[in-house]
Amino acid sequence: MSRGRPPKLACREAYARAAQRGMVLDAAGREASRFDFILFVRERVIFVRVKRSHSRISSSGSGELTVRFSSEITGLRKIPQTPVVSRELWILLPWGTWQYYGISDDAITEIQDYIGKISPT
């Protein structure tokens, strides 16, 4: 089930941010895709889903995140996770800042200062 228009502008901005870190393979616009792009950084492959939010999700709000983005999280969890493959949800907030979350099989972890921590390859 679709909830509104696809976040095309957010995807373009996320793609540009991802390109600062490594090679990016665009998958946006593919019907029934569980991710918007794949980011290749060093020996890692990261499947990324991009969404927009009207408000910030509190740092203790993994329950809130799960409710608001349940279908996106479920879709990402269908991608097999391995030591070199990870899954992330990137959320653009109305004032232009981002929230990043790592999605594992049994947990959701907010990633702080994501772009600043990992230098481009």
N, C-alpha and C. Protein backbone atom coordinates (compact mmCIF):
# COMPACT_ATOMS: atom_id res chain seq x y z
N MET A 1 0.83 -1.17 0.00
CA MET A 1 0.00 0.00 0.00
C MET A 1 0.88 1.24 0.00
N SER A 2 0.58 2.18 -0.85
CA SER A 2 1.36 3.41 -0.96
C SER A 2 0.75 4.49 -0.08
N ARG A 3 1.62 5.25 0.59
CA ARG A 3 1.14 6.34 1.44
C ARG A 3 1.69 7.65 0.89
N GLY A 4 1.08 8.16 -0.13
CA GLY A 4 1.51 9.44 -0.68
C GLY A 4 2.48 9.28 -1.83
N ARG A 5 2.92 10.44 -2.33
CA ARG A 5 3.84 10.46 -3.45
C ARG A 5 5.22 9.93 -3.04
N PRO A 6 5.96 9.38 -4.00
CA PRO A 6 7.32 8.95 -3.70
C PRO A 6 8.18 10.17 -3.35
N PRO A 7 9.14 10.03 -2.46
CA PRO A 7 9.96 11.17 -2.04
C PRO A 7 11.09 11.45 -3.04
N LYS A 8 10.74 11.92 -4.24
CA LYS A 8 11.72 12.09 -5.32
C LYS A 8 12.82 13.08 -4.95
N LEU A 9 12.46 14.23 -4.39
CA LEU A 9 13.48 15.21 -4.01
C LEU A 9 14.36 14.67 -2.90
N ALA A 10 13.77 14.00 -1.93
CA ALA A 10 14.54 13.41 -0.84
C ALA A 10 15.50 12.35 -1.39
N CYS A 11 15.04 11.56 -2.35
CA CYS A 11 15.89 10.54 -2.95
C CYS A 11 17.08 11.16 -3.67
N ARG A 12 16.85 12.26 -4.39
CA ARG A 12 17.96 12.93 -5.09
C ARG A 12 18.99 13.45 -4.09
N GLU A 13 18.51 14.06 -3.00
CA GLU A 13 19.43 14.57 -2.00
C GLU A 13 20.17 13.43 -1.30
N ALA A 14 19.46 12.36 -0.99
CA ALA A 14 20.07 11.20 -0.33
C ALA A 14 21.12 10.57 -1.26
N TYR A 15 20.81 10.48 -2.53
CA TYR A 15 21.73 9.92 -3.51
C TYR A 15 23.03 10.73 -3.52
N ALA A 16 22.90 12.06 -3.52
CA ALA A 16 24.09 12.94 -3.52
C ALA A 16 24.89 12.75 -2.23
N ARG A 17 24.22 12.61 -1.10
CA ARG A 17 24.92 12.37 0.17
C ARG A 17 25.63 11.03 0.15
N ALA A 18 24.97 10.03 -0.39
CA ALA A 18 25.57 8.69 -0.46
C ALA A 18 26.80 8.69 -1.37
N ALA A 19 26.74 9.45 -2.45
CA ALA A 19 27.85 9.51 -3.39
C ALA A 19 29.10 10.10 -2.74
N GLN A 20 28.95 10.86 -1.66
CA GLN A 20 30.10 11.37 -0.91
C GLN A 20 30.85 10.25 -0.20
N ARG A 21 30.18 9.14 0.02
CA ARG A 21 30.75 8.02 0.77
C ARG A 21 31.27 6.89 -0.09
N GLY A 22 30.69 6.72 -1.27
CA GLY A 22 31.10 5.59 -2.10
C GLY A 22 30.32 5.55 -3.39
N MET A 23 30.33 4.41 -4.04
CA MET A 23 29.62 4.23 -5.30
C MET A 23 28.15 3.92 -5.01
N VAL A 24 27.26 4.50 -5.83
CA VAL A 24 25.83 4.34 -5.60
C VAL A 24 25.17 3.75 -6.84
N LEU A 25 24.31 2.78 -6.64
CA LEU A 25 23.52 2.19 -7.70
C LEU A 25 22.06 2.56 -7.45
N ASP A 26 21.49 3.35 -8.35
CA ASP A 26 20.12 3.86 -8.18
C ASP A 26 19.11 2.76 -8.49
N ALA A 27 18.13 2.63 -7.61
CA ALA A 27 17.04 1.67 -7.83
C ALA A 27 15.69 2.35 -7.69
N ALA A 28 15.68 3.67 -7.52
CA ALA A 28 14.43 4.41 -7.33
C ALA A 28 13.54 4.26 -8.56
N GLY A 29 12.26 4.19 -8.32
CA GLY A 29 11.30 4.10 -9.41
C GLY A 29 10.99 2.69 -9.85
N ARG A 30 11.77 1.73 -9.41
CA ARG A 30 11.47 0.33 -9.75
C ARG A 30 10.27 -0.10 -8.94
N GLU A 31 9.31 -0.63 -9.62
CA GLU A 31 8.08 -1.05 -8.94
C GLU A 31 8.37 -2.17 -7.96
N ALA A 32 7.78 -2.09 -6.80
CA ALA A 32 7.89 -3.09 -5.73
C ALA A 32 9.30 -3.22 -5.18
N SER A 33 10.12 -2.21 -5.36
CA SER A 33 11.47 -2.25 -4.81
C SER A 33 11.43 -2.02 -3.31
N ARG A 34 12.24 -2.75 -2.59
CA ARG A 34 12.31 -2.61 -1.13
C ARG A 34 13.31 -1.53 -0.72
N PHE A 35 14.07 -1.00 -1.70
CA PHE A 35 15.08 0.00 -1.41
C PHE A 35 15.14 1.00 -2.56
N ASP A 36 15.74 2.17 -2.29
CA ASP A 36 15.84 3.22 -3.30
C ASP A 36 17.20 3.22 -4.00
N PHE A 37 18.24 2.82 -3.27
CA PHE A 37 19.55 2.68 -3.89
C PHE A 37 20.43 1.77 -3.05
N ILE A 38 21.51 1.34 -3.68
CA ILE A 38 22.50 0.51 -3.01
C ILE A 38 23.79 1.32 -2.93
N LEU A 39 24.37 1.35 -1.76
CA LEU A 39 25.60 2.10 -1.54
C LEU A 39 26.73 1.09 -1.30
N PHE A 40 27.81 1.23 -2.08
CA PHE A 40 28.98 0.37 -1.95
C PHE A 40 30.09 1.17 -1.28
N VAL A 41 30.45 0.81 -0.05
CA VAL A 41 31.49 1.50 0.71
C VAL A 41 32.50 0.46 1.18
N ARG A 42 33.71 0.60 0.71
CA ARG A 42 34.78 -0.34 1.06
C ARG A 42 34.30 -1.77 0.83
N GLU A 43 34.27 -2.59 1.86
CA GLU A 43 33.81 -3.97 1.71
C GLU A 43 32.37 -4.15 2.16
N ARG A 44 31.57 -3.08 2.14
CA ARG A 44 30.19 -3.15 2.59
C ARG A 44 29.23 -2.81 1.47
N VAL A 45 28.06 -3.42 1.54
CA VAL A 45 26.97 -3.14 0.62
C VAL A 45 25.78 -2.74 1.50
N ILE A 46 25.26 -1.52 1.27
CA ILE A 46 24.19 -0.99 2.11
C ILE A 46 22.96 -0.73 1.25
N PHE A 47 21.85 -1.37 1.59
CA PHE A 47 20.58 -1.15 0.91
C PHE A 47 19.85 -0.04 1.66
N VAL A 48 19.50 1.03 0.95
CA VAL A 48 18.95 2.23 1.59
C VAL A 48 17.54 2.51 1.09
N ARG A 49 16.64 2.75 2.03
CA ARG A 49 15.28 3.21 1.73
C ARG A 49 15.17 4.64 2.23
N VAL A 50 14.62 5.54 1.42
CA VAL A 50 14.52 6.96 1.75
C VAL A 50 13.05 7.33 1.95
N LYS A 51 12.78 8.04 3.03
CA LYS A 51 11.43 8.51 3.31
C LYS A 51 11.50 9.93 3.84
N ARG A 52 10.34 10.58 3.88
CA ARG A 52 10.20 11.92 4.48
C ARG A 52 9.33 11.79 5.72
N SER A 53 9.53 12.72 6.66
CA SER A 53 8.70 12.75 7.85
C SER A 53 8.33 14.19 8.14
N HIS A 54 7.15 14.39 8.68
CA HIS A 54 6.70 15.73 9.04
C HIS A 54 7.24 16.18 10.39
N SER A 55 7.81 15.24 11.16
CA SER A 55 8.35 15.59 12.47
C SER A 55 9.52 14.67 12.81
N ARG A 56 10.33 15.13 13.74
CA ARG A 56 11.49 14.36 14.20
C ARG A 56 11.02 13.14 14.99
N ILE A 57 11.71 12.05 14.83
CA ILE A 57 11.43 10.85 15.60
C ILE A 57 12.37 10.87 16.80
N SER A 58 11.83 10.78 18.00
CA SER A 58 12.65 10.89 19.20
C SER A 58 13.70 9.79 19.23
N SER A 59 14.83 10.08 19.88
CA SER A 59 15.93 9.12 19.91
C SER A 59 15.54 7.83 20.62
N SER A 60 14.55 7.89 21.48
CA SER A 60 14.05 6.67 22.13
C SER A 60 12.81 6.14 21.42
N GLY A 61 12.62 6.60 20.18
CA GLY A 61 11.37 6.30 19.49
C GLY A 61 11.42 5.20 18.46
N SER A 62 12.15 4.10 18.74
CA SER A 62 12.14 3.03 17.75
C SER A 62 10.74 2.45 17.59
N GLY A 63 9.91 2.51 18.66
CA GLY A 63 8.52 2.08 18.54
C GLY A 63 7.74 2.99 17.62
N GLU A 64 7.97 4.29 17.75
CA GLU A 64 7.34 5.27 16.87
C GLU A 64 7.77 5.05 15.42
N LEU A 65 9.05 4.80 15.23
CA LEU A 65 9.58 4.54 13.89
C LEU A 65 8.93 3.29 13.29
N THR A 66 8.82 2.25 14.10
CA THR A 66 8.22 0.99 13.65
C THR A 66 6.77 1.17 13.22
N VAL A 67 6.04 2.00 13.94
CA VAL A 67 4.64 2.24 13.59
C VAL A 67 4.54 3.07 12.31
N ARG A 68 5.30 4.16 12.23
CA ARG A 68 5.20 5.08 11.10
C ARG A 68 5.76 4.52 9.80
N PHE A 69 6.77 3.66 9.89
CA PHE A 69 7.43 3.15 8.69
C PHE A 69 7.47 1.62 8.68
N SER A 70 6.39 1.00 9.13
CA SER A 70 6.37 -0.46 9.26
C SER A 70 6.57 -1.18 7.93
N SER A 71 5.94 -0.72 6.87
CA SER A 71 6.08 -1.43 5.59
C SER A 71 7.50 -1.28 5.04
N GLU A 72 8.12 -0.12 5.24
CA GLU A 72 9.49 0.08 4.76
C GLU A 72 10.47 -0.80 5.55
N ILE A 73 10.28 -0.88 6.86
CA ILE A 73 11.14 -1.71 7.70
C ILE A 73 10.96 -3.18 7.35
N THR A 74 9.72 -3.60 7.16
CA THR A 74 9.45 -4.98 6.78
C THR A 74 10.10 -5.31 5.43
N GLY A 75 10.00 -4.38 4.48
CA GLY A 75 10.62 -4.59 3.18
C GLY A 75 12.13 -4.71 3.27
N LEU A 76 12.75 -3.83 4.04
CA LEU A 76 14.21 -3.91 4.21
C LEU A 76 14.63 -5.20 4.88
N ARG A 77 13.84 -5.67 5.83
CA ARG A 77 14.20 -6.90 6.54
C ARG A 77 14.09 -8.14 5.64
N LYS A 78 13.46 -8.02 4.50
CA LYS A 78 13.40 -9.14 3.55
C LYS A 78 14.71 -9.28 2.77
N ILE A 79 15.54 -8.25 2.81
CA ILE A 79 16.86 -8.32 2.17
C ILE A 79 17.78 -9.07 3.13
N PRO A 80 18.42 -10.15 2.68
CA PRO A 80 19.27 -10.92 3.59
C PRO A 80 20.40 -10.07 4.15
N GLN A 81 20.57 -10.15 5.47
CA GLN A 81 21.65 -9.42 6.13
C GLN A 81 22.82 -10.37 6.36
N THR A 82 24.01 -9.94 5.99
CA THR A 82 25.22 -10.73 6.16
C THR A 82 26.28 -9.83 6.80
N PRO A 83 27.45 -10.35 7.07
CA PRO A 83 28.51 -9.49 7.63
C PRO A 83 28.90 -8.33 6.71
N VAL A 84 28.65 -8.44 5.40
CA VAL A 84 29.01 -7.35 4.48
C VAL A 84 27.80 -6.62 3.93
N VAL A 85 26.59 -7.08 4.22
CA VAL A 85 25.37 -6.44 3.74
C VAL A 85 24.60 -5.86 4.92
N SER A 86 24.21 -4.58 4.79
CA SER A 86 23.38 -3.97 5.82
C SER A 86 22.22 -3.24 5.18
N ARG A 87 21.26 -2.84 6.03
CA ARG A 87 20.04 -2.18 5.56
C ARG A 87 19.83 -0.92 6.38
N GLU A 88 19.46 0.17 5.69
CA GLU A 88 19.28 1.44 6.38
C GLU A 88 18.04 2.17 5.89
N LEU A 89 17.43 2.91 6.80
CA LEU A 89 16.31 3.80 6.49
C LEU A 89 16.79 5.22 6.75
N TRP A 90 16.73 6.06 5.71
CA TRP A 90 17.14 7.46 5.81
C TRP A 90 15.88 8.30 5.74
N ILE A 91 15.68 9.19 6.71
CA ILE A 91 14.46 9.99 6.79
C ILE A 91 14.83 11.47 6.73
N LEU A 92 14.23 12.18 5.76
CA LEU A 92 14.44 13.62 5.60
C LEU A 92 13.35 14.36 6.37
N LEU A 93 13.78 15.29 7.22
CA LEU A 93 12.85 16.09 8.02
C LEU A 93 12.55 17.40 7.30
N PRO A 94 11.44 18.07 7.62
CA PRO A 94 11.01 19.26 6.88
C PRO A 94 12.04 20.39 6.84
N TRP A 95 12.89 20.50 7.84
CA TRP A 95 13.86 21.59 7.90
C TRP A 95 15.19 21.22 7.27
N GLY A 96 15.24 20.10 6.56
CA GLY A 96 16.41 19.72 5.78
C GLY A 96 17.44 18.86 6.48
N THR A 97 17.17 18.43 7.70
CA THR A 97 18.10 17.53 8.37
C THR A 97 17.63 16.09 8.16
N TRP A 98 18.54 15.16 8.47
CA TRP A 98 18.28 13.75 8.24
C TRP A 98 18.36 12.97 9.54
N GLN A 99 17.63 11.86 9.57
CA GLN A 99 17.78 10.85 10.61
C GLN A 99 18.08 9.55 9.88
N TYR A 100 19.04 8.79 10.40
CA TYR A 100 19.48 7.55 9.77
C TYR A 100 19.29 6.40 10.76
N TYR A 101 18.81 5.27 10.26
CA TYR A 101 18.58 4.11 11.11
C TYR A 101 19.12 2.85 10.44
N GLY A 102 19.85 2.06 11.23
CA GLY A 102 20.26 0.73 10.80
C GLY A 102 19.17 -0.25 11.16
N ILE A 103 18.80 -1.09 10.20
CA ILE A 103 17.71 -2.04 10.39
C ILE A 103 18.29 -3.45 10.39
N SER A 104 18.32 -4.08 11.55
CA SER A 104 18.77 -5.47 11.61
C SER A 104 17.54 -6.36 11.76
N ASP A 105 17.75 -7.65 11.84
CA ASP A 105 16.62 -8.57 11.94
C ASP A 105 15.84 -8.39 13.24
N ASP A 106 16.54 -8.02 14.30
CA ASP A 106 15.89 -7.94 15.61
C ASP A 106 15.99 -6.59 16.31
N ALA A 107 16.55 -5.58 15.63
CA ALA A 107 16.70 -4.27 16.28
C ALA A 107 16.74 -3.16 15.24
N ILE A 108 16.46 -1.95 15.74
CA ILE A 108 16.59 -0.73 14.93
C ILE A 108 17.48 0.21 15.73
N THR A 109 18.54 0.71 15.09
CA THR A 109 19.50 1.54 15.77
C THR A 109 19.65 2.87 15.05
N GLU A 110 19.49 3.98 15.77
CA GLU A 110 19.72 5.28 15.14
C GLU A 110 21.21 5.48 14.96
N ILE A 111 21.58 5.96 13.79
CA ILE A 111 22.98 6.22 13.46
C ILE A 111 23.19 7.72 13.57
N GLN A 112 24.01 8.15 14.53
CA GLN A 112 24.25 9.57 14.76
C GLN A 112 25.34 10.09 13.83
N ASP A 113 25.19 11.34 13.35
CA ASP A 113 26.20 12.01 12.53
C ASP A 113 26.74 11.10 11.45
N TYR A 114 25.86 10.49 10.71
CA TYR A 114 26.19 9.43 9.77
C TYR A 114 27.21 9.83 8.72
N ILE A 115 26.95 10.87 7.98
CA ILE A 115 27.83 11.26 6.87
C ILE A 115 29.18 11.72 7.39
N GLY A 116 29.19 12.42 8.51
CA GLY A 116 30.44 12.93 9.04
C GLY A 116 31.39 11.87 9.56
N LYS A 117 30.88 10.70 9.97
CA LYS A 117 31.71 9.68 10.58
C LYS A 117 32.52 8.87 9.57
N ILE A 118 32.01 8.68 8.38
CA ILE A 118 32.67 7.81 7.42
C ILE A 118 33.11 8.63 6.23
N SER A 119 34.40 8.64 6.00
CA SER A 119 34.93 9.43 4.89
C SER A 119 34.73 8.72 3.57
N PRO A 120 34.71 9.48 2.46
CA PRO A 120 34.52 8.86 1.16
C PRO A 120 35.66 7.91 0.83
N THR A 121 35.39 6.95 -0.02
CA THR A 121 36.44 6.00 -0.42
C THR A 121 37.29 6.57 -1.51
